[in-house]
Amino acid sequence: MKIAILGTGVMGRGWIAQCAMAGHEVHCHDSNRASLDGTIEFCRTLAQKTAKKFKLEDPEIGARTAARITPHATKAAFIDAARGCAVLLEAIFEDLALKCRELREIVPQLPAEVYFWSNTSSLDIDVMAAAAGRPERSIITHGMNPVPMMAGVEVVPGKLTSAETIEFARQALLEMKKAPFVAPNLPGFWVNRLLVPQLLDAFRLLEQGKIKVEDGDIGMNTSLGHPQGTYKMADFITLPTALRISVEMYQATNDPRMYPPQILVRMVKNGEHGAQTGKGFYDWTDPRNPRPRDLSQYLLKTTDDYLDSVK
């Protein structure tokens, strides 16, 4: 199968690697040329790491994965390649207006039989399906990060998504050895509907000085079986992504639990984005041995502290 993937950020690259590892021919595009240029090597390395994790004796998996990926520097070239694909998978970061603008431009230029999948983690499929102009063939396939290492994929149909589209997505994902499950089209769907309030509560307790990064993650790991802990997981999600999801879910629900804590806003503003930038809740100077950071500078102790934090 041929698959076109729009966006080569963290999640886009994860899907590119996953599809290529599964034997599919992948065409990709991103307006960020540096991100696009680094995609093949990133996916080669990710495929090798995935094989190592699952103890697969396949020394050529990185090379085979890389050989199935074709980056396109221009949108026109990408659209031309996408015309011969079965699926257009959109993996742009969580900005609904930007996603819809790109979909309105690209999808109408593709044959009517091309499916539209979105990797969004919280946004309404019906809005994006309307922008794409083919709601019956539109669906969310929200993978977990890193996609090749995490089996779960939320499959979220819209009001007009056909049964055939749901079944096609489910079967295609099963063939990639994923674990698709149908989730409701609510803000955050199933996973983030439960996860995001937990993340934000953990950030607030840190901001209030009630818990330390290391203690919080040890507790979640040893008591609830979370493999990474809340703060380390947030660093992998990336803090800008967590912030966008929080804002989108708050705007959609008006639920105060979804309102982004000041510590999250301040860390994003200061470029402390997590593992991707080398600094978040952990110091990632040594990626194999990340160290919990002292974030006492972000504690809110007085009214003046709070006023200073929102400048």
C-alpha atoms as a PDB file:
ATOM      1  CA  MET A   1       0.000   0.000   0.000  1.00  0.00           C
ATOM      2  CA  LYS A   2       1.106   3.577  -0.636  1.00  0.00           C
ATOM      3  CA  ILE A   3       0.545   6.114   2.136  1.00  0.00           C
ATOM      4  CA  ALA A   4       1.019   9.895   2.060  1.00  0.00           C
ATOM      5  CA  ILE A   5       1.882  11.505   5.407  1.00  0.00           C
ATOM      6  CA  LEU A   6       1.609  15.260   5.945  1.00  0.00           C
ATOM      7  CA  GLY A   7       3.827  16.463   8.786  1.00  0.00           C
ATOM      8  CA  THR A   8       7.236  15.190   9.907  1.00  0.00           C
ATOM      9  CA  GLY A   9       7.218  16.195  13.544  1.00  0.00           C
ATOM     10  CA  VAL A  10       7.435  13.662  16.366  1.00  0.00           C
ATOM     11  CA  MET A  11       4.156  11.917  15.529  1.00  0.00           C
ATOM     12  CA  GLY A  12       4.519  12.248  11.772  1.00  0.00           C
ATOM     13  CA  ARG A  13       7.928  10.598  11.860  1.00  0.00           C
ATOM     14  CA  GLY A  14       6.560   7.891  14.123  1.00  0.00           C
ATOM     15  CA  TRP A  15       3.861   7.037  11.592  1.00  0.00           C
ATOM     16  CA  ILE A  16       6.299   7.259   8.689  1.00  0.00           C
ATOM     17  CA  ALA A  17       8.598   4.753  10.391  1.00  0.00           C
ATOM     18  CA  GLN A  18       5.670   2.509  11.339  1.00  0.00           C
ATOM     19  CA  CYS A  19       4.201   2.382   7.847  1.00  0.00           C
ATOM     20  CA  ALA A  20       7.585   1.857   6.195  1.00  0.00           C
ATOM     21  CA  MET A  21       8.502  -0.893   8.658  1.00  0.00           C
ATOM     22  CA  ALA A  22       5.224  -2.593   7.777  1.00  0.00           C
ATOM     23  CA  GLY A  23       6.270  -2.699   4.113  1.00  0.00           C
ATOM     24  CA  HIS A  24       4.294   0.275   2.820  1.00  0.00           C
ATOM     25  CA  GLU A  25       5.653   2.898   0.427  1.00  0.00           C
ATOM     26  CA  VAL A  26       5.544   6.250   2.230  1.00  0.00           C
ATOM     27  CA  HIS A  27       5.529   9.747   0.733  1.00  0.00           C
ATOM     28  CA  CYS A  28       5.897  12.654   3.163  1.00  0.00           C
ATOM     29  CA  HIS A  29       6.008  16.442   3.262  1.00  0.00           C
ATOM     30  CA  ASP A  30       6.513  19.211   5.813  1.00  0.00           C
ATOM     31  CA  SER A  31       6.846  22.958   5.346  1.00  0.00           C
ATOM     32  CA  ASN A  32       9.756  22.808   7.814  1.00  0.00           C
ATOM     33  CA  ARG A  33      12.590  21.789   5.509  1.00  0.00           C
ATOM     34  CA  ALA A  34      14.986  20.917   8.334  1.00  0.00           C
ATOM     35  CA  SER A  35      12.435  18.520   9.812  1.00  0.00           C
ATOM     36  CA  LEU A  36      11.739  16.973   6.417  1.00  0.00           C
ATOM     37  CA  ASP A  37      15.437  16.543   5.621  1.00  0.00           C
ATOM     38  CA  GLY A  38      16.072  14.684   8.868  1.00  0.00           C
ATOM     39  CA  THR A  39      13.139  12.298   8.500  1.00  0.00           C
ATOM     40  CA  ILE A  40      14.789   9.362   6.732  1.00  0.00           C
ATOM     41  CA  GLU A  41      17.697   9.098   9.168  1.00  0.00           C
ATOM     42  CA  PHE A  42      15.365   9.521  12.153  1.00  0.00           C
ATOM     43  CA  CYS A  43      13.115   6.732  10.903  1.00  0.00           C
ATOM     44  CA  ARG A  44      16.095   4.474  10.180  1.00  0.00           C
ATOM     45  CA  THR A  45      17.243   4.878  13.778  1.00  0.00           C
ATOM     46  CA  LEU A  46      13.726   4.475  15.185  1.00  0.00           C
ATOM     47  CA  ALA A  47      13.258   1.234  13.250  1.00  0.00           C
ATOM     48  CA  GLN A  48      16.527  -0.109  14.659  1.00  0.00           C
ATOM     49  CA  LYS A  49      15.557   0.894  18.212  1.00  0.00           C
ATOM     50  CA  THR A  50      12.156  -0.763  17.775  1.00  0.00           C
ATOM     51  CA  ALA A  51      13.760  -3.980  16.570  1.00  0.00           C
ATOM     52  CA  LYS A  52      16.108  -3.931  19.554  1.00  0.00           C
ATOM     53  CA  LYS A  53      13.262  -3.351  22.004  1.00  0.00           C
ATOM     54  CA  PHE A  54      11.249  -6.259  20.664  1.00  0.00           C
ATOM     55  CA  LYS A  55      14.367  -8.440  20.289  1.00  0.00           C
ATOM     56  CA  LEU A  56      13.994  -8.795  16.530  1.00  0.00           C
ATOM     57  CA  GLU A  57      17.103 -10.179  14.854  1.00  0.00           C
ATOM     58  CA  ASP A  58      16.905  -8.042  11.720  1.00  0.00           C
ATOM     59  CA  PRO A  59      20.073  -6.031  11.023  1.00  0.00           C
ATOM     60  CA  GLU A  60      18.646  -4.688   7.755  1.00  0.00           C
ATOM     61  CA  ILE A  61      15.400  -3.267   9.171  1.00  0.00           C
ATOM     62  CA  GLY A  62      16.772   0.284   9.308  1.00  0.00           C
ATOM     63  CA  ALA A  63      17.946   0.241   5.706  1.00  0.00           C
ATOM     64  CA  ARG A  64      14.711  -1.318   4.422  1.00  0.00           C
ATOM     65  CA  THR A  65      12.625   1.211   6.333  1.00  0.00           C
ATOM     66  CA  ALA A  66      14.645   4.145   4.963  1.00  0.00           C
ATOM     67  CA  ALA A  67      14.388   2.821   1.394  1.00  0.00           C
ATOM     68  CA  ARG A  68      10.569   2.938   1.494  1.00  0.00           C
ATOM     69  CA  ILE A  69      10.403   6.648   2.457  1.00  0.00           C
ATOM     70  CA  THR A  70      10.267   9.448  -0.112  1.00  0.00           C
ATOM     71  CA  PRO A  71      10.313  13.024   1.227  1.00  0.00           C
ATOM     72  CA  HIS A  72       8.893  15.734  -1.068  1.00  0.00           C
ATOM     73  CA  ALA A  73      10.300  19.236  -0.682  1.00  0.00           C
ATOM     74  CA  THR A  74       7.341  20.951  -2.358  1.00  0.00           C
ATOM     75  CA  LYS A  75       3.667  20.632  -1.612  1.00  0.00           C
ATOM     76  CA  ALA A  76       2.907  20.249  -5.315  1.00  0.00           C
ATOM     77  CA  ALA A  77       5.190  17.213  -5.584  1.00  0.00           C
ATOM     78  CA  PHE A  78       3.653  15.740  -2.444  1.00  0.00           C
ATOM     79  CA  ILE A  79       0.114  16.177  -3.763  1.00  0.00           C
ATOM     80  CA  ASP A  80       1.112  14.554  -7.041  1.00  0.00           C
ATOM     81  CA  ALA A  81       2.504  11.536  -5.144  1.00  0.00           C
ATOM     82  CA  ALA A  82      -0.537  11.413  -2.845  1.00  0.00           C
ATOM     83  CA  ARG A  83      -2.824  10.973  -5.851  1.00  0.00           C
ATOM     84  CA  GLY A  84      -1.504   7.425  -6.144  1.00  0.00           C
ATOM     85  CA  CYS A  85      -1.853   6.620  -2.437  1.00  0.00           C
ATOM     86  CA  ALA A  86      -4.625   4.780  -0.622  1.00  0.00           C
ATOM     87  CA  VAL A  87      -4.431   7.012   2.467  1.00  0.00           C
ATOM     88  CA  LEU A  88      -3.534  10.602   3.290  1.00  0.00           C
ATOM     89  CA  LEU A  89      -2.502  10.656   6.951  1.00  0.00           C
ATOM     90  CA  GLU A  90      -2.329  14.147   8.454  1.00  0.00           C
ATOM     91  CA  ALA A  91       0.064  14.541  11.401  1.00  0.00           C
ATOM     92  CA  ILE A  92       0.300  18.318  11.785  1.00  0.00           C
ATOM     93  CA  PHE A  93       0.647  19.599  15.368  1.00  0.00           C
ATOM     94  CA  GLU A  94      -2.547  20.402  17.294  1.00  0.00           C
ATOM     95  CA  ASP A  95      -3.740  23.539  15.516  1.00  0.00           C
ATOM     96  CA  LEU A  96      -7.245  23.032  14.144  1.00  0.00           C
ATOM     97  CA  ALA A  97      -7.222  26.112  11.897  1.00  0.00           C
ATOM     98  CA  LEU A  98      -3.911  25.099  10.322  1.00  0.00           C
ATOM     99  CA  LYS A  99      -5.036  21.507   9.819  1.00  0.00           C
ATOM    100  CA  CYS A 100      -8.272  22.591   8.157  1.00  0.00           C
ATOM    101  CA  ARG A 101      -6.490  25.085   5.925  1.00  0.00           C
ATOM    102  CA  GLU A 102      -4.110  22.394   4.661  1.00  0.00           C
ATOM    103  CA  LEU A 103      -6.905  19.859   4.211  1.00  0.00           C
ATOM    104  CA  ARG A 104      -9.057  22.283   2.175  1.00  0.00           C
ATOM    105  CA  GLU A 105      -6.125  22.814  -0.164  1.00  0.00           C
ATOM    106  CA  ILE A 106      -4.812  19.258  -0.511  1.00  0.00           C
ATOM    107  CA  VAL A 107      -7.615  16.701  -0.178  1.00  0.00           C
ATOM    108  CA  PRO A 108      -9.908  17.984  -2.974  1.00  0.00           C
ATOM    109  CA  GLN A 109      -7.001  17.438  -5.391  1.00  0.00           C
ATOM    110  CA  LEU A 110      -6.882  13.714  -4.571  1.00  0.00           C
ATOM    111  CA  PRO A 111      -8.998  10.938  -6.129  1.00  0.00           C
ATOM    112  CA  ALA A 112     -12.333  10.353  -4.391  1.00  0.00           C
ATOM    113  CA  GLU A 113     -11.292   6.907  -3.168  1.00  0.00           C
ATOM    114  CA  VAL A 114      -8.354   8.186  -1.069  1.00  0.00           C
ATOM    115  CA  TYR A 115      -9.037   7.869   2.672  1.00  0.00           C
ATOM    116  CA  PHE A 116      -8.259  10.744   5.033  1.00  0.00           C
ATOM    117  CA  TRP A 117      -6.774   9.781   8.400  1.00  0.00           C
ATOM    118  CA  SER A 118      -5.819  12.266  11.116  1.00  0.00           C
ATOM    119  CA  ASN A 119      -3.408  11.610  13.958  1.00  0.00           C
ATOM    120  CA  THR A 120      -4.896  14.369  16.124  1.00  0.00           C
ATOM    121  CA  SER A 121      -4.885  13.647  19.840  1.00  0.00           C
ATOM    122  CA  SER A 122      -7.859  15.810  20.796  1.00  0.00           C
ATOM    123  CA  LEU A 123      -9.550  17.624  17.885  1.00  0.00           C
ATOM    124  CA  ASP A 124     -12.995  17.038  16.343  1.00  0.00           C
ATOM    125  CA  ILE A 125     -12.936  14.744  13.297  1.00  0.00           C
ATOM    126  CA  ASP A 126     -16.208  16.186  12.000  1.00  0.00           C
ATOM    127  CA  VAL A 127     -14.645  19.645  11.596  1.00  0.00           C
ATOM    128  CA  MET A 128     -11.610  18.248   9.778  1.00  0.00           C
ATOM    129  CA  ALA A 129     -13.728  15.874   7.682  1.00  0.00           C
ATOM    130  CA  ALA A 130     -15.831  18.814   6.510  1.00  0.00           C
ATOM    131  CA  ALA A 131     -12.685  20.729   5.572  1.00  0.00           C
ATOM    132  CA  ALA A 132     -11.391  17.689   3.669  1.00  0.00           C
ATOM    133  CA  GLY A 133     -14.699  17.428   1.812  1.00  0.00           C
ATOM    134  CA  ARG A 134     -15.143  13.655   2.174  1.00  0.00           C
ATOM    135  CA  PRO A 135     -16.636  12.986   5.631  1.00  0.00           C
ATOM    136  CA  GLU A 136     -17.676   9.417   4.823  1.00  0.00           C
ATOM    137  CA  ARG A 137     -14.000   8.491   4.149  1.00  0.00           C
ATOM    138  CA  SER A 138     -12.515  10.461   7.063  1.00  0.00           C
ATOM    139  CA  ILE A 139     -11.418   9.040  10.418  1.00  0.00           C
ATOM    140  CA  ILE A 140      -8.981   9.646  13.263  1.00  0.00           C
ATOM    141  CA  THR A 141      -6.163   7.147  13.804  1.00  0.00           C
ATOM    142  CA  HIS A 142      -4.423   8.507  16.894  1.00  0.00           C
ATOM    143  CA  GLY A 143      -1.232   6.595  17.619  1.00  0.00           C
ATOM    144  CA  MET A 144       0.761   6.739  20.833  1.00  0.00           C
ATOM    145  CA  ASN A 145       4.336   8.004  20.984  1.00  0.00           C
ATOM    146  CA  PRO A 146       6.628   6.492  19.768  1.00  0.00           C
ATOM    147  CA  VAL A 147       4.237   4.914  17.281  1.00  0.00           C
ATOM    148  CA  PRO A 148       6.310   1.827  16.331  1.00  0.00           C
ATOM    149  CA  MET A 149       6.823   0.912  19.992  1.00  0.00           C
ATOM    150  CA  MET A 150       3.282   1.530  21.243  1.00  0.00           C
ATOM    151  CA  ALA A 151       0.551  -0.817  20.035  1.00  0.00           C
ATOM    152  CA  GLY A 152      -2.518   1.269  20.831  1.00  0.00           C
ATOM    153  CA  VAL A 153      -4.269   3.360  18.184  1.00  0.00           C
ATOM    154  CA  GLU A 154      -7.493   5.250  18.868  1.00  0.00           C
ATOM    155  CA  VAL A 155      -9.875   4.919  15.918  1.00  0.00           C
ATOM    156  CA  VAL A 156     -12.398   7.760  16.100  1.00  0.00           C
ATOM    157  CA  PRO A 157     -15.151   7.925  13.470  1.00  0.00           C
ATOM    158  CA  GLY A 158     -17.177  11.044  12.791  1.00  0.00           C
ATOM    159  CA  LYS A 159     -20.924  11.358  12.395  1.00  0.00           C
ATOM    160  CA  LEU A 160     -20.763  10.525   8.683  1.00  0.00           C
ATOM    161  CA  THR A 161     -17.813   8.113   8.646  1.00  0.00           C
ATOM    162  CA  SER A 162     -18.864   4.961   6.796  1.00  0.00           C
ATOM    163  CA  ALA A 163     -18.646   1.474   8.270  1.00  0.00           C
ATOM    164  CA  GLU A 164     -16.374   0.538   5.368  1.00  0.00           C
ATOM    165  CA  THR A 165     -13.937   3.328   6.312  1.00  0.00           C
ATOM    166  CA  ILE A 166     -13.826   2.151   9.917  1.00  0.00           C
ATOM    167  CA  GLU A 167     -13.206  -1.445   8.872  1.00  0.00           C
ATOM    168  CA  PHE A 168     -10.529  -0.463   6.340  1.00  0.00           C
ATOM    169  CA  ALA A 169      -8.657   1.505   9.015  1.00  0.00           C
ATOM    170  CA  ARG A 170      -9.019  -1.279  11.560  1.00  0.00           C
ATOM    171  CA  GLN A 171      -7.739  -3.970   9.184  1.00  0.00           C
ATOM    172  CA  ALA A 172      -4.867  -1.816   7.913  1.00  0.00           C
ATOM    173  CA  LEU A 173      -3.759  -1.137  11.489  1.00  0.00           C
ATOM    174  CA  LEU A 174      -4.048  -4.794  12.490  1.00  0.00           C
ATOM    175  CA  GLU A 175      -1.816  -5.691   9.541  1.00  0.00           C
ATOM    176  CA  MET A 176       0.734  -3.233  10.948  1.00  0.00           C
ATOM    177  CA  LYS A 177       0.516  -5.225  14.221  1.00  0.00           C
ATOM    178  CA  LYS A 178      -1.202  -2.346  16.029  1.00  0.00           C
ATOM    179  CA  ALA A 179      -4.065  -2.641  18.533  1.00  0.00           C
ATOM    180  CA  PRO A 180      -6.837  -0.377  17.195  1.00  0.00           C
ATOM    181  CA  PHE A 181      -9.799   0.447  19.426  1.00  0.00           C
ATOM    182  CA  VAL A 182     -12.836   2.595  18.664  1.00  0.00           C
ATOM    183  CA  ALA A 183     -13.098   5.711  20.839  1.00  0.00           C
ATOM    184  CA  PRO A 184     -15.783   8.428  21.092  1.00  0.00           C
ATOM    185  CA  ASN A 185     -15.488  11.720  19.231  1.00  0.00           C
ATOM    186  CA  LEU A 186     -15.253  13.770  22.425  1.00  0.00           C
ATOM    187  CA  PRO A 187     -12.542  16.308  23.307  1.00  0.00           C
ATOM    188  CA  GLY A 188      -9.528  14.115  24.109  1.00  0.00           C
ATOM    189  CA  PHE A 189     -11.336  10.965  22.899  1.00  0.00           C
ATOM    190  CA  TRP A 190     -10.664   8.147  25.402  1.00  0.00           C
ATOM    191  CA  VAL A 191      -6.939   8.194  26.256  1.00  0.00           C
ATOM    192  CA  ASN A 192      -6.407  11.949  26.637  1.00  0.00           C
ATOM    193  CA  ARG A 193      -9.831  12.443  28.192  1.00  0.00           C
ATOM    194  CA  LEU A 194      -8.445  10.460  31.133  1.00  0.00           C
ATOM    195  CA  LEU A 195      -4.740  11.266  30.816  1.00  0.00           C
ATOM    196  CA  VAL A 196      -4.723  15.058  30.458  1.00  0.00           C
ATOM    197  CA  PRO A 197      -6.434  15.886  33.794  1.00  0.00           C
ATOM    198  CA  GLN A 198      -3.924  13.568  35.499  1.00  0.00           C
ATOM    199  CA  LEU A 199      -0.977  15.281  33.793  1.00  0.00           C
ATOM    200  CA  LEU A 200      -2.230  18.760  34.635  1.00  0.00           C
ATOM    201  CA  ASP A 201      -2.880  17.812  38.279  1.00  0.00           C
ATOM    202  CA  ALA A 202       0.681  16.499  38.499  1.00  0.00           C
ATOM    203  CA  PHE A 203       1.989  19.791  37.088  1.00  0.00           C
ATOM    204  CA  ARG A 204      -0.079  21.773  39.605  1.00  0.00           C
ATOM    205  CA  LEU A 205       1.179  19.740  42.566  1.00  0.00           C
ATOM    206  CA  LEU A 206       4.755  20.335  41.398  1.00  0.00           C
ATOM    207  CA  GLU A 207       4.038  24.052  41.003  1.00  0.00           C
ATOM    208  CA  GLN A 208       2.639  24.137  44.558  1.00  0.00           C
ATOM    209  CA  GLY A 209       5.743  22.449  45.965  1.00  0.00           C
ATOM    210  CA  LYS A 210       3.767  19.385  47.078  1.00  0.00           C
ATOM    211  CA  ILE A 211       5.839  16.820  45.139  1.00  0.00           C
ATOM    212  CA  LYS A 212       9.228  16.509  43.478  1.00  0.00           C
ATOM    213  CA  VAL A 213       9.768  15.201  39.952  1.00  0.00           C
ATOM    214  CA  GLU A 214      11.696  12.097  41.025  1.00  0.00           C
ATOM    215  CA  ASP A 215       9.296  11.146  43.824  1.00  0.00           C
ATOM    216  CA  GLY A 216       6.254  11.640  41.617  1.00  0.00           C
ATOM    217  CA  ASP A 217       7.563   9.372  38.889  1.00  0.00           C
ATOM    218  CA  ILE A 218       8.789   6.691  41.296  1.00  0.00           C
ATOM    219  CA  GLY A 219       5.309   6.646  42.808  1.00  0.00           C
ATOM    220  CA  MET A 220       3.507   6.245  39.494  1.00  0.00           C
ATOM    221  CA  ASN A 221       5.981   3.617  38.293  1.00  0.00           C
ATOM    222  CA  THR A 222       6.041   1.441  41.397  1.00  0.00           C
ATOM    223  CA  SER A 223       2.437   1.873  42.547  1.00  0.00           C
ATOM    224  CA  LEU A 224       0.417   2.061  39.322  1.00  0.00           C
ATOM    225  CA  GLY A 225       2.767   0.307  36.918  1.00  0.00           C
ATOM    226  CA  HIS A 226       3.371   3.338  34.691  1.00  0.00           C
ATOM    227  CA  PRO A 227       6.599   2.501  32.837  1.00  0.00           C
ATOM    228  CA  GLN A 228       7.913   6.078  32.783  1.00  0.00           C
ATOM    229  CA  GLY A 229       6.009   8.111  35.333  1.00  0.00           C
ATOM    230  CA  THR A 230       3.986  11.256  34.661  1.00  0.00           C
ATOM    231  CA  TYR A 231       6.768  13.825  34.319  1.00  0.00           C
ATOM    232  CA  LYS A 232       9.049  11.707  32.148  1.00  0.00           C
ATOM    233  CA  MET A 233       6.091  10.842  29.917  1.00  0.00           C
ATOM    234  CA  ALA A 234       5.303  14.560  29.591  1.00  0.00           C
ATOM    235  CA  ASP A 235       8.878  15.191  28.453  1.00  0.00           C
ATOM    236  CA  PHE A 236       8.408  12.602  25.698  1.00  0.00           C
ATOM    237  CA  ILE A 237       5.013  13.996  24.688  1.00  0.00           C
ATOM    238  CA  THR A 238       6.769  17.405  24.603  1.00  0.00           C
ATOM    239  CA  LEU A 239       5.483  20.245  26.735  1.00  0.00           C
ATOM    240  CA  PRO A 240       4.264  22.386  23.787  1.00  0.00           C
ATOM    241  CA  THR A 241       2.084  19.459  22.690  1.00  0.00           C
ATOM    242  CA  ALA A 242       0.755  19.048  26.231  1.00  0.00           C
ATOM    243  CA  LEU A 243      -0.016  22.783  26.325  1.00  0.00           C
ATOM    244  CA  ARG A 244      -1.839  22.749  22.981  1.00  0.00           C
ATOM    245  CA  ILE A 245      -3.913  19.738  24.016  1.00  0.00           C
ATOM    246  CA  SER A 246      -4.751  21.395  27.332  1.00  0.00           C
ATOM    247  CA  VAL A 247      -5.869  24.641  25.677  1.00  0.00           C
ATOM    248  CA  GLU A 248      -7.911  22.851  22.989  1.00  0.00           C
ATOM    249  CA  MET A 249      -9.646  20.639  25.554  1.00  0.00           C
ATOM    250  CA  TYR A 250     -10.345  23.566  27.872  1.00  0.00           C
ATOM    251  CA  GLN A 251     -11.850  25.605  25.038  1.00  0.00           C
ATOM    252  CA  ALA A 252     -13.967  22.633  23.946  1.00  0.00           C
ATOM    253  CA  THR A 253     -15.228  21.666  27.407  1.00  0.00           C
ATOM    254  CA  ASN A 254     -14.871  24.731  29.673  1.00  0.00           C
ATOM    255  CA  ASP A 255     -13.740  22.167  32.268  1.00  0.00           C
ATOM    256  CA  PRO A 256     -11.448  23.903  34.806  1.00  0.00           C
ATOM    257  CA  ARG A 257      -9.430  20.692  35.171  1.00  0.00           C
ATOM    258  CA  MET A 258      -8.200  21.237  31.606  1.00  0.00           C
ATOM    259  CA  TYR A 259      -6.934  24.801  32.183  1.00  0.00           C
ATOM    260  CA  PRO A 260      -3.142  24.840  31.671  1.00  0.00           C
ATOM    261  CA  PRO A 261      -1.090  25.388  34.847  1.00  0.00           C
ATOM    262  CA  GLN A 262       1.321  28.302  34.890  1.00  0.00           C
ATOM    263  CA  ILE A 263       4.350  26.019  35.248  1.00  0.00           C
ATOM    264  CA  LEU A 264       3.525  24.430  31.898  1.00  0.00           C
ATOM    265  CA  VAL A 265       3.068  27.794  30.175  1.00  0.00           C
ATOM    266  CA  ARG A 266       6.283  29.183  31.653  1.00  0.00           C
ATOM    267  CA  MET A 267       8.390  26.146  30.757  1.00  0.00           C
ATOM    268  CA  VAL A 268       7.160  26.224  27.164  1.00  0.00           C
ATOM    269  CA  LYS A 269       7.826  29.963  26.945  1.00  0.00           C
ATOM    270  CA  ASN A 270      11.368  29.383  28.262  1.00  0.00           C
ATOM    271  CA  GLY A 271      12.124  26.717  25.655  1.00  0.00           C
ATOM    272  CA  GLU A 272      12.103  23.846  28.154  1.00  0.00           C
ATOM    273  CA  HIS A 273      10.121  21.505  25.935  1.00  0.00           C
ATOM    274  CA  GLY A 274      11.214  18.098  27.209  1.00  0.00           C
ATOM    275  CA  ALA A 275      13.425  15.390  25.766  1.00  0.00           C
ATOM    276  CA  GLN A 276      13.334  17.008  22.312  1.00  0.00           C
ATOM    277  CA  THR A 277      15.167  20.144  23.490  1.00  0.00           C
ATOM    278  CA  GLY A 278      17.270  18.468  26.188  1.00  0.00           C
ATOM    279  CA  LYS A 279      15.494  20.081  29.117  1.00  0.00           C
ATOM    280  CA  GLY A 280      12.006  19.705  30.594  1.00  0.00           C
ATOM    281  CA  PHE A 281      11.072  18.099  33.878  1.00  0.00           C
ATOM    282  CA  TYR A 282      14.312  16.181  33.367  1.00  0.00           C
ATOM    283  CA  ASP A 283      17.758  17.168  32.144  1.00  0.00           C
ATOM    284  CA  TRP A 284      18.311  15.059  29.008  1.00  0.00           C
ATOM    285  CA  THR A 285      21.995  15.887  28.481  1.00  0.00           C
ATOM    286  CA  ASP A 286      22.602  12.143  28.778  1.00  0.00           C
ATOM    287  CA  PRO A 287      19.517  10.620  27.113  1.00  0.00           C
ATOM    288  CA  ARG A 288      20.270   7.222  28.665  1.00  0.00           C
ATOM    289  CA  ASN A 289      20.348   8.676  32.155  1.00  0.00           C
ATOM    290  CA  PRO A 290      17.999  11.682  32.394  1.00  0.00           C
ATOM    291  CA  ARG A 291      18.205  13.527  35.705  1.00  0.00           C
ATOM    292  CA  PRO A 292      15.181  15.056  37.497  1.00  0.00           C
ATOM    293  CA  ARG A 293      15.485  18.824  37.609  1.00  0.00           C
ATOM    294  CA  ASP A 294      15.070  21.183  40.524  1.00  0.00           C
ATOM    295  CA  LEU A 295      12.164  23.330  39.347  1.00  0.00           C
ATOM    296  CA  SER A 296      11.811  25.426  42.487  1.00  0.00           C
ATOM    297  CA  GLN A 297      12.050  28.599  40.378  1.00  0.00           C
ATOM    298  CA  TYR A 298       8.585  27.781  39.066  1.00  0.00           C
ATOM    299  CA  LEU A 299       6.903  27.462  42.475  1.00  0.00           C
ATOM    300  CA  LEU A 300       4.080  29.920  43.118  1.00  0.00           C
ATOM    301  CA  LYS A 301       4.401  31.186  46.672  1.00  0.00           C
ATOM    302  CA  THR A 302       2.911  34.689  46.699  1.00  0.00           C
ATOM    303  CA  THR A 303       0.597  36.873  44.671  1.00  0.00           C
ATOM    304  CA  ASP A 304       3.667  38.616  43.253  1.00  0.00           C
ATOM    305  CA  ASP A 305       5.049  35.252  42.090  1.00  0.00           C
ATOM    306  CA  TYR A 306       1.832  34.609  40.242  1.00  0.00           C
ATOM    307  CA  LEU A 307       1.782  38.059  38.635  1.00  0.00           C
ATOM    308  CA  ASP A 308       5.391  37.654  37.558  1.00  0.00           C
ATOM    309  CA  SER A 309       4.594  34.292  35.956  1.00  0.00           C
ATOM    310  CA  VAL A 310       2.069  35.773  33.527  1.00  0.00           C
ATOM    311  CA  LYS A 311       4.202  38.563  32.120  1.00  0.00           C
END
